[in-house]
Every structure is written in structure tokens, then in C-alpha cells.
Protein backbone atom coordinates (compact mmCIF):
# COMPACT_ATOMS: atom_id res chain seq x y z
CA MET A 1 147.32 158.56 29.92
CA ASN A 2 146.69 156.53 33.10
CA SER A 3 145.52 152.91 33.04
CA THR A 4 141.98 153.79 34.12
CA THR A 5 141.54 156.23 31.23
CA LYS A 6 143.05 153.71 28.80
CA ALA A 7 140.66 151.02 30.02
CA GLU A 8 137.70 153.39 29.67
CA ASP A 9 138.72 154.17 26.09
CA LEU A 10 138.98 150.48 25.25
CA LEU A 11 135.57 149.80 26.76
CA HIS A 12 134.12 152.67 24.74
CA LEU A 13 135.65 151.26 21.55
CA ALA A 14 134.38 147.76 22.38
CA ALA A 15 130.86 149.12 22.89
CA ILE A 16 130.97 150.87 19.50
CA LEU A 17 132.17 147.69 17.78
CA GLN A 18 129.53 145.64 19.57
CA ARG A 19 126.78 147.87 18.19
CA HIS A 20 128.38 147.86 14.73
CA TYR A 21 128.71 144.08 14.47
CA VAL A 22 125.48 143.13 16.21
CA SER A 23 123.48 140.80 13.98
CA THR A 24 120.03 139.25 13.95
CA PRO A 25 120.17 135.70 15.35
CA ARG A 26 120.16 133.06 12.62
CA PHE A 27 117.32 130.56 12.47
CA ASN A 28 118.42 127.36 14.18
CA VAL A 29 116.26 124.25 14.01
CA PHE A 30 117.92 122.77 17.10
CA THR A 31 116.92 125.61 19.40
CA VAL A 32 113.43 125.64 17.90
CA LEU A 33 112.81 121.95 18.63
CA HIS A 34 114.73 121.53 21.89
CA LYS A 35 116.24 123.40 24.78
CA PRO A 36 119.84 124.29 23.81
CA THR A 37 121.17 122.31 26.80
CA ASP A 38 119.16 119.12 26.30
CA GLU A 39 121.94 116.56 26.65
CA VAL A 40 120.04 113.43 25.69
CA ARG A 41 117.42 114.41 23.11
CA LEU A 42 119.53 117.02 21.32
CA HIS A 43 123.27 116.73 21.77
CA SER A 44 123.84 113.01 22.29
CA ARG A 45 121.38 112.06 19.55
CA PHE A 46 122.80 114.42 16.95
CA ILE A 47 126.43 113.62 17.73
CA ALA A 48 125.59 109.92 17.51
CA ALA A 49 123.77 110.46 14.22
CA LEU A 50 126.91 112.02 12.72
CA LEU A 51 129.07 109.19 14.07
CA ASN A 52 126.68 106.54 12.75
CA PRO A 53 127.59 105.48 9.17
CA GLN A 54 124.02 104.27 8.64
CA THR A 55 122.33 107.69 9.04
CA HIS A 56 123.96 109.79 6.31
CA GLU A 57 125.68 109.64 2.94
CA LEU A 58 129.29 109.83 4.15
CA GLY A 59 129.56 106.40 5.73
CA VAL A 60 132.40 106.14 8.25
CA GLU A 61 134.09 109.41 7.23
CA LEU A 62 132.68 111.52 10.08
CA LEU A 63 133.35 108.78 12.64
CA LYS A 64 136.93 108.51 11.38
CA CYS A 65 137.35 112.28 11.83
CA PHE A 66 136.08 112.01 15.41
CA ILE A 67 138.41 109.12 16.23
CA ASP A 68 141.30 111.16 14.85
CA GLN A 69 140.16 114.20 16.87
CA VAL A 70 140.17 112.32 20.18
CA ARG A 71 143.25 110.28 19.19
CA ILE A 72 141.98 106.78 19.83
CA PRO A 73 144.58 104.39 18.42
CA ASP A 74 143.90 101.49 16.08
CA PHE A 75 140.11 101.48 16.31
CA SER A 76 138.67 99.30 13.54
CA LEU A 77 135.88 100.72 11.38
CA LYS A 78 134.73 97.26 10.33
CA GLY A 79 131.17 96.44 11.37
CA VAL A 80 130.74 99.69 13.28
CA ARG A 81 127.56 100.15 15.30
CA VAL A 82 126.53 103.39 17.06
CA VAL A 83 123.74 103.53 19.66
CA THR A 84 122.50 106.00 22.28
CA GLU A 85 121.21 105.36 25.79
CA GLN A 86 122.03 101.66 25.64
CA GLN A 87 122.79 100.39 29.14
CA ARG A 88 122.36 104.08 30.11
CA ILE A 89 125.53 104.98 28.17
CA ASP A 90 125.06 108.27 26.32
CA ILE A 91 126.83 107.18 23.12
CA LEU A 92 128.36 103.77 22.47
CA VAL A 93 130.42 102.90 19.39
CA THR A 94 131.36 99.25 18.84
CA ASN A 95 132.86 97.12 16.08
CA THR A 96 133.28 93.48 15.11
CA LYS A 97 136.75 93.36 16.72
CA ARG A 98 135.03 93.81 20.13
CA GLN A 99 136.41 97.30 20.62
CA ALA A 100 134.19 99.98 22.16
CA ILE A 101 134.16 103.77 22.54
CA LEU A 102 132.13 104.89 25.52
CA ILE A 103 131.16 108.59 25.31
CA GLU A 104 129.71 110.16 28.44
CA ASN A 105 128.20 113.49 27.41
CA LYS A 106 127.86 116.05 30.23
CA LEU A 107 126.67 119.60 29.79
CA PHE A 108 125.38 120.43 33.25
CA ALA A 109 124.22 117.23 34.93
CA ALA A 110 126.10 116.09 38.02
CA ASP A 111 128.19 112.92 37.92
CA GLN A 112 126.65 109.86 39.53
CA GLU A 113 128.25 107.44 41.95
CA ASN A 114 130.49 104.90 40.15
CA GLN A 115 128.90 105.90 36.84
CA LEU A 116 131.87 105.56 34.48
CA VAL A 117 133.36 102.63 36.37
CA THR A 118 130.07 100.73 36.15
CA TYR A 119 129.75 101.36 32.41
CA TYR A 120 133.33 100.23 31.78
CA GLN A 121 133.02 97.07 33.86
CA SER A 122 129.71 96.19 32.18
CA LEU A 123 131.23 96.43 28.69
CA ARG A 124 134.26 94.38 29.71
CA ALA A 125 131.95 91.74 31.18
CA GLN A 126 130.19 91.57 27.80
CA GLY A 127 133.45 90.59 26.16
CA TYR A 128 134.74 93.87 24.75
CA LYS A 129 138.51 93.60 24.59
CA GLU A 130 139.18 97.35 24.58
CA VAL A 131 137.00 100.09 26.03
CA HIS A 132 137.96 103.70 25.28
CA VAL A 133 136.31 106.18 27.64
CA VAL A 134 135.68 109.76 26.46
CA PHE A 135 134.26 112.14 29.04
CA LEU A 136 132.80 114.96 26.94
CA SER A 137 131.79 118.16 28.73
CA LEU A 138 131.13 121.79 27.93
CA ASP A 139 134.41 123.01 29.43
CA GLY A 140 136.60 119.89 29.42
CA ARG A 141 136.31 119.35 33.16
CA PRO A 142 137.32 115.97 34.58
CA PRO A 143 134.60 113.71 35.99
CA ALA A 144 134.15 113.50 39.73
CA SER A 145 136.43 110.96 41.42
CA HIS A 146 133.40 109.02 42.71
CA SER A 147 132.33 108.47 39.08
CA LEU A 148 135.75 107.88 37.49
CA GLY A 149 137.22 105.51 40.07
CA HIS A 150 140.36 103.80 38.78
CA LEU A 151 139.73 104.49 35.07
CA GLU A 152 142.60 106.97 34.86
CA GLN A 153 144.78 103.86 34.79
CA LEU A 154 143.26 102.62 31.52
CA GLY A 155 145.90 101.37 29.12
CA THR A 156 148.63 101.11 31.74
CA SER A 157 148.28 97.36 32.24
CA SER A 158 147.09 94.33 30.28
CA ASP A 159 144.07 93.82 32.53
CA MET A 160 142.80 97.37 31.76
CA PRO A 161 142.92 97.72 27.95
CA GLY A 162 141.69 100.96 26.44
CA THR A 163 142.16 104.68 26.99
CA TYR A 164 140.59 107.44 29.07
CA GLN A 165 140.40 111.14 28.24
CA THR A 166 138.41 114.29 28.81
CA ALA A 167 137.19 116.37 25.88
CA ALA A 168 135.64 119.83 25.69
CA TYR A 169 132.87 121.05 23.41
CA ALA A 170 134.99 124.03 22.37
CA GLU A 171 138.33 122.28 21.80
CA CYS A 172 137.01 118.92 20.59
CA LEU A 173 133.51 119.20 19.11
CA ARG A 174 133.90 122.53 17.30
CA PRO A 175 136.99 121.52 15.26
CA TRP A 176 135.46 118.11 14.57
CA LEU A 177 132.24 119.73 13.34
CA ALA A 178 134.28 122.07 11.13
CA LYS A 179 135.86 119.02 9.50
CA CYS A 180 132.40 117.46 9.13
CA VAL A 181 131.24 120.59 7.28
CA GLU A 182 134.16 120.24 4.86
CA LYS A 183 133.40 116.56 4.29
CA SER A 184 129.71 117.22 3.61
CA VAL A 185 130.10 120.07 1.15
CA LEU A 186 128.43 118.05 -1.63
CA HIS A 187 125.50 117.05 0.59
CA PRO A 188 123.55 120.28 1.30
CA SER A 189 120.98 118.99 3.80
CA LEU A 190 123.61 117.26 5.91
CA ARG A 191 126.00 120.21 5.67
CA GLU A 192 123.35 122.76 6.74
CA SER A 193 122.38 120.62 9.73
CA ILE A 194 126.01 120.44 10.86
CA VAL A 195 126.47 124.20 10.35
CA GLN A 196 123.46 124.95 12.53
CA TYR A 197 124.67 122.58 15.23
CA HIS A 198 128.13 124.15 15.05
CA ASP A 199 126.47 127.55 15.57
CA LEU A 200 124.72 126.23 18.66
CA ILE A 201 127.96 124.85 20.12
CA THR A 202 129.67 128.15 19.40
CA GLN A 203 127.00 129.97 21.38
CA LEU A 204 127.00 127.48 24.27
CA THR A 205 130.77 127.78 24.66
CA GLY A 206 130.68 131.58 24.62
CA GLN A 207 132.61 131.89 21.36
CA ASP A 208 129.86 133.53 19.34
CA MET A 209 131.74 136.69 18.35
CA ASP A 210 131.79 137.75 14.70
CA THR A 211 135.21 137.03 13.13
CA HIS A 212 135.68 140.59 11.86
CA HIS A 213 134.64 141.94 15.25
CA LEU A 214 137.20 139.68 16.95
CA ASP A 215 139.97 140.64 14.50
CA THR A 216 139.35 144.37 14.97
CA LEU A 217 139.48 144.10 18.75
CA ALA A 218 142.58 141.88 18.68
CA ASP A 219 144.43 144.29 16.37
CA THR A 220 143.49 147.19 18.63
CA LEU A 221 144.76 145.40 21.73
CA LEU A 222 148.16 144.89 20.06
CA GLU A 223 148.59 148.65 19.60
CA GLY A 224 150.79 150.45 22.14
CA ASP A 225 150.13 149.37 25.69
CA ASN A 226 146.46 148.54 25.14
CA LEU A 227 147.12 144.94 26.11
CA LEU A 228 148.06 146.04 29.63
CA ALA A 229 144.74 147.82 30.03
CA ALA A 230 142.95 144.79 28.58
CA HIS A 231 144.53 142.65 31.29
CA ASP A 232 142.92 144.86 33.91
CA ILE A 233 139.59 144.67 32.08
CA ARG A 234 139.75 140.88 32.00
CA LEU A 235 140.25 140.75 35.77
CA ALA A 236 137.42 143.22 36.25
CA PHE A 237 135.21 141.15 33.91
CA ASP A 238 135.66 138.07 36.11
CA GLU A 239 134.83 140.15 39.17
CA ALA A 240 131.73 141.56 37.46
CA LEU A 241 130.49 138.01 36.73
CA ILE A 242 130.94 137.15 40.40
CA ARG A 243 128.87 140.18 41.39
CA LEU A 244 126.17 139.33 38.87
CA GLN A 245 125.95 135.80 40.24
CA ALA A 246 125.75 137.16 43.78
CA LYS A 247 122.91 139.42 42.63
CA ILE A 248 120.98 136.36 41.41
CA TRP A 249 121.20 134.64 44.81
CA ILE A 250 120.32 137.78 46.74
CA GLU A 251 117.31 138.55 44.54
CA LEU A 252 116.15 134.93 44.55
CA ARG A 253 116.17 134.82 48.34
CA GLU A 254 114.33 138.15 48.56
CA THR A 255 111.75 137.02 45.99
CA ILE A 256 111.01 133.77 47.85
CA SER A 257 110.79 135.70 51.12
CA GLY A 258 108.25 138.01 49.53
CA ILE A 259 105.94 135.29 48.21
CA SER A 260 106.13 132.66 51.00
CA ALA A 261 106.98 133.50 54.60
CA GLU A 262 106.49 129.82 55.49
CA MET A 263 109.11 128.67 53.00
CA ASP A 264 111.47 131.50 53.92
CA GLN A 265 111.46 130.38 57.56
CA GLN A 266 112.80 126.99 56.50
CA LEU A 267 115.94 128.40 54.84
CA ASP A 268 118.99 126.37 55.89
CA SER A 269 121.29 129.32 56.52
CA GLN A 270 124.22 127.06 57.44
CA HIS A 271 124.52 125.63 53.93
CA SER A 272 122.85 128.36 51.87
CA THR A 273 124.63 131.24 50.21
CA CYS A 274 123.94 133.92 52.81
CA GLY A 275 125.99 136.55 54.58
CA ASN A 276 128.92 137.61 52.40
CA VAL A 277 127.36 136.37 49.18
CA GLN A 278 129.96 137.89 46.87
CA GLU A 279 132.83 136.20 48.68
CA GLN A 280 131.07 132.82 48.60
CA CYS A 281 130.48 133.22 44.86
CA ARG A 282 134.12 134.19 44.42
CA VAL A 283 135.34 131.04 46.19
CA PHE A 284 132.91 128.97 44.10
CA MET A 285 134.16 130.41 40.79
CA GLN A 286 137.80 130.00 41.82
CA SER A 287 137.27 126.34 42.75
CA TYR A 288 135.94 125.66 39.23
CA LYS A 289 138.73 127.64 37.64
CA ARG A 290 141.23 125.41 39.43
CA ARG A 291 139.10 122.37 38.50
CA SER A 292 139.38 121.29 42.11
CA PRO A 293 138.00 117.76 42.71
CA ASN A 294 136.25 119.04 45.86
CA ARG A 295 134.48 122.03 44.40
CA GLU A 296 132.57 124.55 46.45
CA THR A 297 128.86 125.00 45.82
CA VAL A 298 126.58 127.99 46.09
CA GLY A 299 122.83 127.88 46.36
CA LEU A 300 119.72 128.20 48.51
CA TYR A 301 118.28 125.24 50.44
CA TYR A 302 114.84 125.24 52.06
CA LYS A 303 114.20 122.31 54.42
CA LEU A 304 110.96 120.48 53.74
CA PRO A 305 108.73 120.31 56.82
CA ASN A 306 108.14 116.80 58.24
CA LEU A 307 111.37 115.57 56.60
CA GLN A 308 114.89 115.51 57.98
CA ASN A 309 117.13 115.30 54.93
CA ALA A 310 115.21 116.86 52.04
CA PHE A 311 115.36 120.39 50.68
CA ILE A 312 113.84 122.50 47.93
CA ALA A 313 117.07 123.76 46.40
CA ALA A 314 118.60 125.96 43.74
CA GLU A 315 122.28 125.26 43.21
CA ALA A 316 125.01 126.41 40.84
CA GLU A 317 126.91 123.56 39.24
CA ILE A 318 129.45 123.64 36.41
CA ASN A 319 128.06 126.23 34.00
CA SER A 320 124.45 126.71 34.99
CA ILE A 321 121.94 126.67 37.82
CA TYR A 322 119.54 123.83 38.41
CA LEU A 323 116.76 123.48 40.93
CA GLY A 324 114.65 120.74 42.40
CA ILE A 325 114.44 118.55 45.49
CA LYS A 326 117.77 117.61 47.03
CA CYS A 327 118.03 114.46 49.14
CA SER A 328 120.69 111.74 49.16
CA ASN A 329 119.64 108.28 48.01
CA GLU A 330 121.10 107.00 51.30
CA SER A 331 118.15 108.61 53.11
CA THR A 332 114.88 106.76 53.67
CA GLU A 333 113.18 109.90 52.33
CA TYR A 334 114.69 109.57 48.84
CA LYS A 335 112.45 106.78 47.50
CA PRO A 336 109.08 108.30 48.54
CA LEU A 337 110.17 111.64 47.09
CA CYS A 338 110.95 109.91 43.78
CA GLN A 339 107.57 108.22 43.88
CA LEU A 340 105.80 111.51 44.55
CA LEU A 341 107.56 113.26 41.66
CA ASP A 342 106.86 110.34 39.31
CA LYS A 343 103.19 110.33 40.26
CA GLU A 344 102.86 114.06 39.62
CA GLY A 345 105.07 114.01 36.50
CA ALA A 346 106.92 116.90 38.08
CA MET A 347 110.51 116.30 36.98
CA ALA A 348 112.16 113.95 34.51
CA SER A 349 115.77 114.07 35.72
CA ARG A 350 117.28 112.60 38.89
CA ASN A 351 120.53 111.30 40.32
CA HIS A 352 121.82 109.98 43.63
CA LEU A 353 121.59 113.41 45.28
CA TRP A 354 118.44 114.75 43.63
CA PRO A 355 115.14 112.81 43.49
CA GLY A 356 114.20 115.37 40.86
CA TYR A 357 115.85 118.36 39.25
CA ALA A 358 115.59 120.58 36.22
CA TYR A 359 117.62 123.35 34.73
CA ILE A 360 116.43 126.88 35.14
CA PRO A 361 113.87 128.13 32.57
CA GLN A 362 116.57 130.15 30.80
CA ASP A 363 119.91 128.39 30.75
CA LEU A 364 122.76 130.72 31.54
CA ASN A 365 126.44 129.89 31.46
CA LEU A 366 127.75 131.73 34.54
CA ARG A 367 131.41 130.93 33.93
CA ASN A 368 131.74 131.59 30.22
CA PRO A 369 128.60 133.46 29.19
CA SER A 370 127.53 133.99 25.60
CA ILE A 371 126.47 137.38 24.31
CA GLN A 372 122.82 136.38 24.82
CA SER A 373 123.51 135.30 28.40
CA LEU A 374 125.23 138.61 29.13
CA ARG A 375 122.25 140.50 27.74
CA THR A 376 119.99 138.63 30.14
CA LEU A 377 122.29 139.09 33.13
CA THR A 378 122.75 142.81 32.59
CA ASP A 379 119.13 143.68 31.75
CA ASP A 380 117.27 144.34 35.01
CA ALA A 381 113.87 143.41 33.59
CA GLN A 382 115.10 140.13 32.08
CA LEU A 383 117.04 139.23 35.21
CA LYS A 384 114.01 139.93 37.40
CA SER A 385 111.84 137.71 35.16
CA TYR A 386 114.50 134.99 35.28
CA VAL A 387 114.68 135.07 39.09
CA GLN A 388 110.89 135.16 39.41
CA ALA A 389 110.57 132.04 37.25
CA MET A 390 113.05 130.22 39.51
CA ALA A 391 111.19 131.30 42.65
CA ASP A 392 107.83 130.23 41.20
CA GLU A 393 109.15 126.76 40.33
CA MET A 394 110.69 126.32 43.79
CA LEU A 395 107.42 127.38 45.42
CA ARG A 396 105.51 124.91 43.22
CA LEU A 397 107.79 122.09 44.40
CA TRP A 398 107.36 123.29 47.97
CA HIS A 399 103.56 123.05 47.79
CA LEU A 400 103.82 119.69 46.03
CA SER A 401 106.06 118.00 48.59
CA SER A 402 105.75 119.90 51.89
CA GLY A 403 102.89 117.66 53.05
CA LEU A 404 104.87 114.45 52.54
CA LYS A 405 105.56 112.36 55.64
CA VAL A 406 107.83 109.33 55.70
CA ASP A 407 107.61 106.47 58.17
CA ALA A 408 111.20 105.34 58.64
CA ASN A 409 110.01 101.83 59.52
CA VAL A 410 108.42 101.39 56.07
CA TYR A 411 111.55 102.04 54.01
């Protein structure tokens, strides 16, 4: 039997098992009340609530488990205080010994200039003797160098006390949450909340396969030379994701072209994903796989008329796509764009490169998709609806801001 036939047989078996083990999604209060990728109002708040000894019956037990999980040495649990969004820090844990744990929680948002360095220096200036920095992200990526600065040197000298580390939702949060479930077994309401949050993290990290399903497939792969065929399938799977992503950009451009000739004429073809779209998506995915500090980007950028440095943009970053108005804060056009968006209540999120941005209406992890994400990507009707929603939002921003004019002498 040749490798192609073997691979086809394995795919056929996988499809049968997928249909056999498919299950109705469980009710999840987190996804009902918030978007699954809401960093601040969902993830940071709930993680902080578990860490905070004042919000549940287990006192410092869950915090102690987290400290053990991230291996922070000799952190005192005396007089512990846990807060969110204080001094713009996502989660801050402090104690009476003037030690601090700074947790920067990143799902999809871009890193800001000097962000971590500024937080660290601020806490040190307030008299904290040790500051432990934990950069928590969906995939364990390191922060951008312009955010991290010199913090990699934490703990290497007496004038920089503390530690620095990256942590992933899959490898750090999931095992910690599993320990939290064990600890809360006698407290049903707390335990069920943690279980539901664990389910959400499992889905976000693309690890939402039924255990029996996984075991059956793994046992099958270990038979004969099936593993060799599986290797080929894995390579082909990565290539298929690249082609699906390319399809999104091609269809988005065509959709915008069909609904607004004026906007289409302003496409910045030099920086947009045009031409050999598949190859550009391939380079983009490879740069993230290598965790290169200077990662490639893919996206579409439509220059706003009357402005020189501002674009209506859709751009892939980390594990999702976000869209909005892109303009560096070094430009005189940045401030009036922020003022316009604030006045209209158009977008709540911004950073030094985006006066306003939002994640796409349906959040998709393009690097490590969940079963639900794959269903969306491979269903033509769902994908078309997804692309249309992106195009409609970009056109709305275009109409909102295309009339803006900026007098350089004013700003």
C-alpha cells in the first residue's frame, strides 16, 4: 500500500471517529456573558478572582498552586492583595513583604511600546523589593522586544530583583486549573465555575478533542507504519490552513471591491497581501512558528483620503484577525482619529499603532484552530458570512473617518 492510499485510509478513519465522538456543546456561562477572547472583562478578571484569597472559600490555596506552577521562588503569602487593571497592569499580586507578581495577559492584543518595562519600573519606584514578571499568552510567545526591554535580565543582578518568564494558556493555565478543580471538590459552585473556564481554555487552545477519541486515534497511529502517513497528513494540514487563510484575504478583498469601488481604489498594494497570497501567508505562518522577533504580517490596508498615514486595515496577528484604523501615534493624524472614534463610540481598544481596533465578529485561531473554528473555515456559507461581516465593519469605519482632515499646524 502506497503512502497516499495509507493517508486516505487514515483520513477516512478520522472522519468516522469524528462523527462518532461529536457531541453537543456544553453550556458555558463565560461564553454566554462575554466574547471568548475578552482579555480584560473575562480572562483577567476570572484568573484574578481565583488568585484572590478574598473571593472564594479556599483562601490562598489556589494562589499557592499558581505560584508553584510558574515557579516563583520564596513569594510570601502574608497579607496578599490581588487587583486587576491597577496602573494598567492586567493582574497584580502583592504582599506585605513588598514583593509583587506582575501578570500581563495577552490573547491577541499587540504589545505596546515599553509596556512591561514601564510597569516594572513603576512598581520598583513604589518600593517593591522584588517584581516577578509573568507574560501570559495563548501560545506562550515572548513579548515584543520594544515592550520587554531589558527585563530578560531580571534576577541576574542585585539592582534588578525578581524573575521574568513567559507562560502559555495550554501549558500553564490548563494544568493550574486542573489543580484548582481538585482543590475545590467540596465547593460545588466554585468547582463548576472552574470546570467551565477550563473548558473554554481547552477550546481556545485547540485541545478540545474527546479523550476517548484522542486515545483511539493515537492507538491507530502506532499500528504498523501509520505514523509515517500521519506525518505527511500533519504537513498537509499546515498547508491547508495556509490556503484557508489565503482564501480569507482573497475573498475579503473581492467583497470590499464589490461593495465600494471608492475604497477599493485606495488599497495600498505595496503593503497589502496581494499577488501571491498563499506564499505571503506561508511566510507569515512560518515566522510565528519560529517565534521570530520581527514577524511578518498579512492584511489589507486601505488609505484614508485626505490623510497621509492612516489606513482602514484588517491584519492577522498572533492567533486571530483584528481590524480597525491603523496609524502610528508618532503621526499628527493619530490624536484626531482617536478623538473621532471616542466621539462616535466606535471602538474601545487602541494602542500605539491603532487609534481603534476590534477583533473580528467571530474569533478564529488561524494557527491552532479548534474544532468549531475548523467548521467555520471549511463551511463555505459560514466563511462567506464571516468575510462579509469583516467587510461591512471596514466599510463602516471608512464612511466614519474618510471625511476627516487634519491641519498639521494644529497638532
